[in-house]
Amino acid sequence: MIFSIIAGAVVGYIAGKIMDTHLSWIMNILVGMLGSFVGSFLFGLIGFHTTGIASFIVAIIGACICIALARKIR
């Protein structure tokens, strides 16, 4: 559980830097965890299942997608 929170914070932070968005730590955690789910789901649809560092990269891509969608909704 604690590892998921820390990983979510790191993923959210990196995605925020890539997308040039400044988020709070709580939002970084939420975006990182949601991005992990979205990335795994989308890459799973095309048959790409990851482990290790590749899953971290997929989570960052998913978090960037979530940030981009949030920008479109605003």
PDB file of N, CA and C in Angstrom:
ATOM      1  N   MET A   1       0.824  -1.195   0.000  1.00  0.00           N
ATOM      2  CA  MET A   1       0.000   0.000   0.000  1.00  0.00           C
ATOM      3  C   MET A   1       0.864   1.253   0.000  1.00  0.00           C
ATOM      4  N   ILE A   2       1.854   1.305   0.874  1.00  0.00           N
ATOM      5  CA  ILE A   2       2.729   2.473   0.935  1.00  0.00           C
ATOM      6  C   ILE A   2       3.541   2.583  -0.345  1.00  0.00           C
ATOM      7  N   PHE A   3       3.974   1.444  -0.884  1.00  0.00           N
ATOM      8  CA  PHE A   3       4.719   1.472  -2.147  1.00  0.00           C
ATOM      9  C   PHE A   3       3.860   2.032  -3.268  1.00  0.00           C
ATOM     10  N   SER A   4       2.582   1.697  -3.298  1.00  0.00           N
ATOM     11  CA  SER A   4       1.673   2.217  -4.328  1.00  0.00           C
ATOM     12  C   SER A   4       1.531   3.730  -4.222  1.00  0.00           C
ATOM     13  N   ILE A   5       1.461   4.235  -3.016  1.00  0.00           N
ATOM     14  CA  ILE A   5       1.340   5.676  -2.811  1.00  0.00           C
ATOM     15  C   ILE A   5       2.610   6.383  -3.257  1.00  0.00           C
ATOM     16  N   ILE A   6       3.757   5.831  -2.891  1.00  0.00           N
ATOM     17  CA  ILE A   6       5.031   6.434  -3.283  1.00  0.00           C
ATOM     18  C   ILE A   6       5.220   6.364  -4.792  1.00  0.00           C
ATOM     19  N   ALA A   7       4.924   5.217  -5.373  1.00  0.00           N
ATOM     20  CA  ALA A   7       5.044   5.069  -6.828  1.00  0.00           C
ATOM     21  C   ALA A   7       4.079   6.004  -7.539  1.00  0.00           C
ATOM     22  N   GLY A   8       2.856   6.136  -7.036  1.00  0.00           N
ATOM     23  CA  GLY A   8       1.883   7.052  -7.614  1.00  0.00           C
ATOM     24  C   GLY A   8       2.358   8.495  -7.556  1.00  0.00           C
ATOM     25  N   ALA A   9       2.979   8.872  -6.449  1.00  0.00           N
ATOM     26  CA  ALA A   9       3.501  10.232  -6.322  1.00  0.00           C
ATOM     27  C   ALA A   9       4.615  10.488  -7.320  1.00  0.00           C
ATOM     28  N   VAL A  10       5.501   9.526  -7.484  1.00  0.00           N
ATOM     29  CA  VAL A  10       6.616   9.679  -8.424  1.00  0.00           C
ATOM     30  C   VAL A  10       6.105   9.727  -9.860  1.00  0.00           C
ATOM     31  N   VAL A  11       5.205   8.827 -10.199  1.00  0.00           N
ATOM     32  CA  VAL A  11       4.635   8.799 -11.554  1.00  0.00           C
ATOM     33  C   VAL A  11       3.888  10.100 -11.833  1.00  0.00           C
ATOM     34  N   GLY A  12       3.074  10.554 -10.897  1.00  0.00           N
ATOM     35  CA  GLY A  12       2.339  11.807 -11.066  1.00  0.00           C
ATOM     36  C   GLY A  12       3.263  13.003 -11.200  1.00  0.00           C
ATOM     37  N   TYR A  13       4.344  13.008 -10.435  1.00  0.00           N
ATOM     38  CA  TYR A  13       5.319  14.105 -10.503  1.00  0.00           C
ATOM     39  C   TYR A  13       5.989  14.142 -11.878  1.00  0.00           C
ATOM     40  N   ILE A  14       6.434  12.986 -12.354  1.00  0.00           N
ATOM     41  CA  ILE A  14       7.101  12.916 -13.661  1.00  0.00           C
ATOM     42  C   ILE A  14       6.130  13.301 -14.779  1.00  0.00           C
ATOM     43  N   ALA A  15       4.909  12.789 -14.719  1.00  0.00           N
ATOM     44  CA  ALA A  15       3.911  13.136 -15.735  1.00  0.00           C
ATOM     45  C   ALA A  15       3.594  14.626 -15.691  1.00  0.00           C
ATOM     46  N   GLY A  16       3.541  15.203 -14.503  1.00  0.00           N
ATOM     47  CA  GLY A  16       3.298  16.637 -14.371  1.00  0.00           C
ATOM     48  C   GLY A  16       4.413  17.460 -14.995  1.00  0.00           C
ATOM     49  N   LYS A  17       5.640  17.010 -14.825  1.00  0.00           N
ATOM     50  CA  LYS A  17       6.777  17.707 -15.436  1.00  0.00           C
ATOM     51  C   LYS A  17       6.739  17.569 -16.957  1.00  0.00           C
ATOM     52  N   ILE A  18       6.408  16.381 -17.452  1.00  0.00           N
ATOM     53  CA  ILE A  18       6.326  16.171 -18.903  1.00  0.00           C
ATOM     54  C   ILE A  18       5.231  17.046 -19.504  1.00  0.00           C
ATOM     55  N   MET A  19       4.090  17.111 -18.834  1.00  0.00           N
ATOM     56  CA  MET A  19       2.940  17.856 -19.358  1.00  0.00           C
ATOM     57  C   MET A  19       2.953  19.325 -18.914  1.00  0.00           C
ATOM     58  N   ASP A  20       3.986  19.753 -18.197  1.00  0.00           N
ATOM     59  CA  ASP A  20       4.136  21.125 -17.703  1.00  0.00           C
ATOM     60  C   ASP A  20       2.923  21.547 -16.873  1.00  0.00           C
ATOM     61  N   THR A  21       2.596  20.714 -15.897  1.00  0.00           N
ATOM     62  CA  THR A  21       1.499  20.961 -14.978  1.00  0.00           C
ATOM     63  C   THR A  21       2.036  20.904 -13.556  1.00  0.00           C
ATOM     64  N   HIS A  22       1.617  21.837 -12.727  1.00  0.00           N
ATOM     65  CA  HIS A  22       2.056  21.864 -11.336  1.00  0.00           C
ATOM     66  C   HIS A  22       0.905  21.384 -10.455  1.00  0.00           C
ATOM     67  N   LEU A  23       1.085  20.199  -9.882  1.00  0.00           N
ATOM     68  CA  LEU A  23       0.047  19.594  -9.060  1.00  0.00           C
ATOM     69  C   LEU A  23       0.539  19.450  -7.625  1.00  0.00           C
ATOM     70  N   SER A  24      -0.395  19.370  -6.685  1.00  0.00           N
ATOM     71  CA  SER A  24      -0.033  19.094  -5.298  1.00  0.00           C
ATOM     72  C   SER A  24       0.372  17.628  -5.169  1.00  0.00           C
ATOM     73  N   TRP A  25       0.954  17.284  -4.041  1.00  0.00           N
ATOM     74  CA  TRP A  25       1.382  15.896  -3.843  1.00  0.00           C
ATOM     75  C   TRP A  25       0.200  14.936  -3.846  1.00  0.00           C
ATOM     76  N   ILE A  26      -0.908  15.367  -3.297  1.00  0.00           N
ATOM     77  CA  ILE A  26      -2.093  14.500  -3.286  1.00  0.00           C
ATOM     78  C   ILE A  26      -2.587  14.277  -4.708  1.00  0.00           C
ATOM     79  N   MET A  27      -2.615  15.335  -5.507  1.00  0.00           N
ATOM     80  CA  MET A  27      -3.023  15.185  -6.906  1.00  0.00           C
ATOM     81  C   MET A  27      -2.010  14.351  -7.684  1.00  0.00           C
ATOM     82  N   ASN A  28      -0.718  14.490  -7.364  1.00  0.00           N
ATOM     83  CA  ASN A  28       0.294  13.649  -8.006  1.00  0.00           C
ATOM     84  C   ASN A  28       0.028  12.177  -7.716  1.00  0.00           C
ATOM     85  N   ILE A  29      -0.299  11.869  -6.480  1.00  0.00           N
ATOM     86  CA  ILE A  29      -0.585  10.479  -6.098  1.00  0.00           C
ATOM     87  C   ILE A  29      -1.815   9.973  -6.848  1.00  0.00           C
ATOM     88  N   LEU A  30      -2.878  10.776  -6.873  1.00  0.00           N
ATOM     89  CA  LEU A  30      -4.100  10.351  -7.554  1.00  0.00           C
ATOM     90  C   LEU A  30      -3.890  10.195  -9.056  1.00  0.00           C
ATOM     91  N   VAL A  31      -3.208  11.158  -9.676  1.00  0.00           N
ATOM     92  CA  VAL A  31      -2.952  11.075 -11.115  1.00  0.00           C
ATOM     93  C   VAL A  31      -2.040   9.890 -11.418  1.00  0.00           C
ATOM     94  N   GLY A  32      -1.055   9.653 -10.573  1.00  0.00           N
ATOM     95  CA  GLY A  32      -0.146   8.527 -10.785  1.00  0.00           C
ATOM     96  C   GLY A  32      -0.845   7.184 -10.676  1.00  0.00           C
ATOM     97  N   MET A  33      -1.699   7.035  -9.681  1.00  0.00           N
ATOM     98  CA  MET A  33      -2.414   5.770  -9.514  1.00  0.00           C
ATOM     99  C   MET A  33      -3.449   5.574 -10.621  1.00  0.00           C
ATOM    100  N   LEU A  34      -4.167   6.627 -10.979  1.00  0.00           N
ATOM    101  CA  LEU A  34      -5.130   6.535 -12.073  1.00  0.00           C
ATOM    102  C   LEU A  34      -4.403   6.288 -13.392  1.00  0.00           C
ATOM    103  N   GLY A  35      -3.281   6.949 -13.575  1.00  0.00           N
ATOM    104  CA  GLY A  35      -2.486   6.755 -14.785  1.00  0.00           C
ATOM    105  C   GLY A  35      -1.966   5.339 -14.922  1.00  0.00           C
ATOM    106  N   SER A  36      -1.629   4.729 -13.810  1.00  0.00           N
ATOM    107  CA  SER A  36      -1.190   3.343 -13.837  1.00  0.00           C
ATOM    108  C   SER A  36      -2.304   2.434 -14.327  1.00  0.00           C
ATOM    109  N   PHE A  37      -3.506   2.667 -13.838  1.00  0.00           N
ATOM    110  CA  PHE A  37      -4.655   1.875 -14.270  1.00  0.00           C
ATOM    111  C   PHE A  37      -4.957   2.107 -15.745  1.00  0.00           C
ATOM    112  N   VAL A  38      -5.004   3.375 -16.146  1.00  0.00           N
ATOM    113  CA  VAL A  38      -5.336   3.718 -17.536  1.00  0.00           C
ATOM    114  C   VAL A  38      -4.280   3.163 -18.492  1.00  0.00           C
ATOM    115  N   GLY A  39      -3.017   3.361 -18.150  1.00  0.00           N
ATOM    116  CA  GLY A  39      -1.944   2.857 -19.011  1.00  0.00           C
ATOM    117  C   GLY A  39      -1.969   1.348 -19.141  1.00  0.00           C
ATOM    118  N   SER A  40      -2.149   0.657 -18.025  1.00  0.00           N
ATOM    119  CA  SER A  40      -2.206  -0.810 -18.068  1.00  0.00           C
ATOM    120  C   SER A  40      -3.391  -1.290 -18.881  1.00  0.00           C
ATOM    121  N   PHE A  41      -4.526  -0.618 -18.719  1.00  0.00           N
ATOM    122  CA  PHE A  41      -5.724  -0.998 -19.470  1.00  0.00           C
ATOM    123  C   PHE A  41      -5.529  -0.798 -20.967  1.00  0.00           C
ATOM    124  N   LEU A  42      -5.056   0.393 -21.352  1.00  0.00           N
ATOM    125  CA  LEU A  42      -4.900   0.700 -22.771  1.00  0.00           C
ATOM    126  C   LEU A  42      -3.837  -0.172 -23.434  1.00  0.00           C
ATOM    127  N   PHE A  43      -2.705  -0.366 -22.771  1.00  0.00           N
ATOM    128  CA  PHE A  43      -1.673  -1.211 -23.345  1.00  0.00           C
ATOM    129  C   PHE A  43      -2.094  -2.675 -23.341  1.00  0.00           C
ATOM    130  N   GLY A  44      -2.928  -3.068 -22.366  1.00  0.00           N
ATOM    131  CA  GLY A  44      -3.459  -4.425 -22.346  1.00  0.00           C
ATOM    132  C   GLY A  44      -4.403  -4.695 -23.501  1.00  0.00           C
ATOM    133  N   LEU A  45      -5.114  -3.665 -23.932  1.00  0.00           N
ATOM    134  CA  LEU A  45      -6.019  -3.817 -25.074  1.00  0.00           C
ATOM    135  C   LEU A  45      -5.276  -4.184 -26.353  1.00  0.00           C
ATOM    136  N   ILE A  46      -4.057  -3.688 -26.477  1.00  0.00           N
ATOM    137  CA  ILE A  46      -3.277  -4.000 -27.686  1.00  0.00           C
ATOM    138  C   ILE A  46      -2.358  -5.194 -27.467  1.00  0.00           C
ATOM    139  N   GLY A  47      -2.490  -5.851 -26.301  1.00  0.00           N
ATOM    140  CA  GLY A  47      -1.733  -7.066 -26.041  1.00  0.00           C
ATOM    141  C   GLY A  47      -0.355  -6.844 -25.469  1.00  0.00           C
ATOM    142  N   PHE A  48      -0.093  -5.670 -24.921  1.00  0.00           N
ATOM    143  CA  PHE A  48       1.214  -5.346 -24.364  1.00  0.00           C
ATOM    144  C   PHE A  48       1.109  -5.358 -22.849  1.00  0.00           C
ATOM    145  N   HIS A  49       1.614  -6.413 -22.211  1.00  0.00           N
ATOM    146  CA  HIS A  49       1.574  -6.551 -20.760  1.00  0.00           C
ATOM    147  C   HIS A  49       2.979  -6.360 -20.216  1.00  0.00           C
ATOM    148  N   THR A  50       3.106  -5.568 -19.160  1.00  0.00           N
ATOM    149  CA  THR A  50       4.424  -5.158 -18.691  1.00  0.00           C
ATOM    150  C   THR A  50       4.714  -5.626 -17.277  1.00  0.00           C
ATOM    151  N   THR A  51       6.004  -5.656 -16.975  1.00  0.00           N
ATOM    152  CA  THR A  51       6.489  -5.871 -15.617  1.00  0.00           C
ATOM    153  C   THR A  51       7.724  -5.001 -15.438  1.00  0.00           C
ATOM    154  N   GLY A  52       8.079  -4.751 -14.215  1.00  0.00           N
ATOM    155  CA  GLY A  52       9.303  -4.014 -13.933  1.00  0.00           C
ATOM    156  C   GLY A  52       9.247  -2.570 -14.373  1.00  0.00           C
ATOM    157  N   ILE A  53      10.364  -2.092 -14.919  1.00  0.00           N
ATOM    158  CA  ILE A  53      10.481  -0.691 -15.300  1.00  0.00           C
ATOM    159  C   ILE A  53       9.529  -0.334 -16.433  1.00  0.00           C
ATOM    160  N   ALA A  54       9.193  -1.287 -17.274  1.00  0.00           N
ATOM    161  CA  ALA A  54       8.258  -1.021 -18.370  1.00  0.00           C
ATOM    162  C   ALA A  54       6.879  -0.638 -17.831  1.00  0.00           C
ATOM    163  N   SER A  55       6.463  -1.233 -16.738  1.00  0.00           N
ATOM    164  CA  SER A  55       5.170  -0.880 -16.158  1.00  0.00           C
ATOM    165  C   SER A  55       5.201   0.538 -15.588  1.00  0.00           C
ATOM    166  N   PHE A  56       6.353   0.965 -15.125  1.00  0.00           N
ATOM    167  CA  PHE A  56       6.523   2.335 -14.633  1.00  0.00           C
ATOM    168  C   PHE A  56       6.369   3.320 -15.791  1.00  0.00           C
ATOM    169  N   ILE A  57       6.940   2.994 -16.922  1.00  0.00           N
ATOM    170  CA  ILE A  57       6.839   3.848 -18.114  1.00  0.00           C
ATOM    171  C   ILE A  57       5.399   3.882 -18.622  1.00  0.00           C
ATOM    172  N   VAL A  58       4.734   2.740 -18.615  1.00  0.00           N
ATOM    173  CA  VAL A  58       3.328   2.680 -19.026  1.00  0.00           C
ATOM    174  C   VAL A  58       2.471   3.526 -18.087  1.00  0.00           C
ATOM    175  N   ALA A  59       2.772   3.514 -16.807  1.00  0.00           N
ATOM    176  CA  ALA A  59       2.022   4.325 -15.845  1.00  0.00           C
ATOM    177  C   ALA A  59       2.228   5.812 -16.121  1.00  0.00           C
ATOM    178  N   ILE A  60       3.436   6.208 -16.472  1.00  0.00           N
ATOM    179  CA  ILE A  60       3.704   7.610 -16.799  1.00  0.00           C
ATOM    180  C   ILE A  60       2.920   8.011 -18.040  1.00  0.00           C
ATOM    181  N   ILE A  61       2.905   7.149 -19.050  1.00  0.00           N
ATOM    182  CA  ILE A  61       2.137   7.439 -20.267  1.00  0.00           C
ATOM    183  C   ILE A  61       0.652   7.568 -19.930  1.00  0.00           C
ATOM    184  N   GLY A  62       0.137   6.661 -19.105  1.00  0.00           N
ATOM    185  CA  GLY A  62      -1.267   6.728 -18.692  1.00  0.00           C
ATOM    186  C   GLY A  62      -1.574   7.996 -17.909  1.00  0.00           C
ATOM    187  N   ALA A  63      -0.651   8.421 -17.044  1.00  0.00           N
ATOM    188  CA  ALA A  63      -0.857   9.650 -16.281  1.00  0.00           C
ATOM    189  C   ALA A  63      -0.848  10.870 -17.202  1.00  0.00           C
ATOM    190  N   CYS A  64       0.018  10.861 -18.210  1.00  0.00           N
ATOM    191  CA  CYS A  64       0.030  11.959 -19.192  1.00  0.00           C
ATOM    192  C   CYS A  64      -1.290  12.011 -19.949  1.00  0.00           C
ATOM    193  N   ILE A  65      -1.849  10.852 -20.274  1.00  0.00           N
ATOM    194  CA  ILE A  65      -3.153  10.798 -20.939  1.00  0.00           C
ATOM    195  C   ILE A  65      -4.230  11.383 -20.026  1.00  0.00           C
ATOM    196  N   CYS A  66      -4.184  11.042 -18.747  1.00  0.00           N
ATOM    197  CA  CYS A  66      -5.171  11.564 -17.796  1.00  0.00           C
ATOM    198  C   CYS A  66      -5.071  13.085 -17.676  1.00  0.00           C
ATOM    199  N   ILE A  67      -3.857  13.609 -17.628  1.00  0.00           N
ATOM    200  CA  ILE A  67      -3.669  15.064 -17.540  1.00  0.00           C
ATOM    201  C   ILE A  67      -4.197  15.732 -18.809  1.00  0.00           C
ATOM    202  N   ALA A  68      -3.895  15.148 -19.968  1.00  0.00           N
ATOM    203  CA  ALA A  68      -4.374  15.720 -21.235  1.00  0.00           C
ATOM    204  C   ALA A  68      -5.901  15.712 -21.297  1.00  0.00           C
ATOM    205  N   LEU A  69      -6.530  14.630 -20.844  1.00  0.00           N
ATOM    206  CA  LEU A  69      -7.993  14.575 -20.830  1.00  0.00           C
ATOM    207  C   LEU A  69      -8.582  15.596 -19.866  1.00  0.00           C
ATOM    208  N   ALA A  70      -7.941  15.776 -18.720  1.00  0.00           N
ATOM    209  CA  ALA A  70      -8.419  16.763 -17.743  1.00  0.00           C
ATOM    210  C   ALA A  70      -8.332  18.170 -18.328  1.00  0.00           C
ATOM    211  N   ARG A  71      -7.299  18.448 -19.095  1.00  0.00           N
ATOM    212  CA  ARG A  71      -7.176  19.759 -19.741  1.00  0.00           C
ATOM    213  C   ARG A  71      -8.300  19.971 -20.758  1.00  0.00           C
ATOM    214  N   LYS A  72      -8.656  18.920 -21.485  1.00  0.00           N
ATOM    215  CA  LYS A  72      -9.713  19.030 -22.492  1.00  0.00           C
ATOM    216  C   LYS A  72     -11.069  19.263 -21.834  1.00  0.00           C
ATOM    217  N   ILE A  73     -11.296  18.651 -20.671  1.00  0.00           N
ATOM    218  CA  ILE A  73     -12.576  18.789 -19.970  1.00  0.00           C
ATOM    219  C   ILE A  73     -12.738  20.181 -19.402  1.00  0.00           C
ATOM    220  N   ARG A  74     -11.660  20.765 -18.916  1.00  0.00           N
ATOM    221  CA  ARG A  74     -11.724  22.119 -18.344  1.00  0.00           C
ATOM    222  C   ARG A  74     -12.089  23.041 -19.419  1.00  0.00           C
TER     223      ARG A  74
END
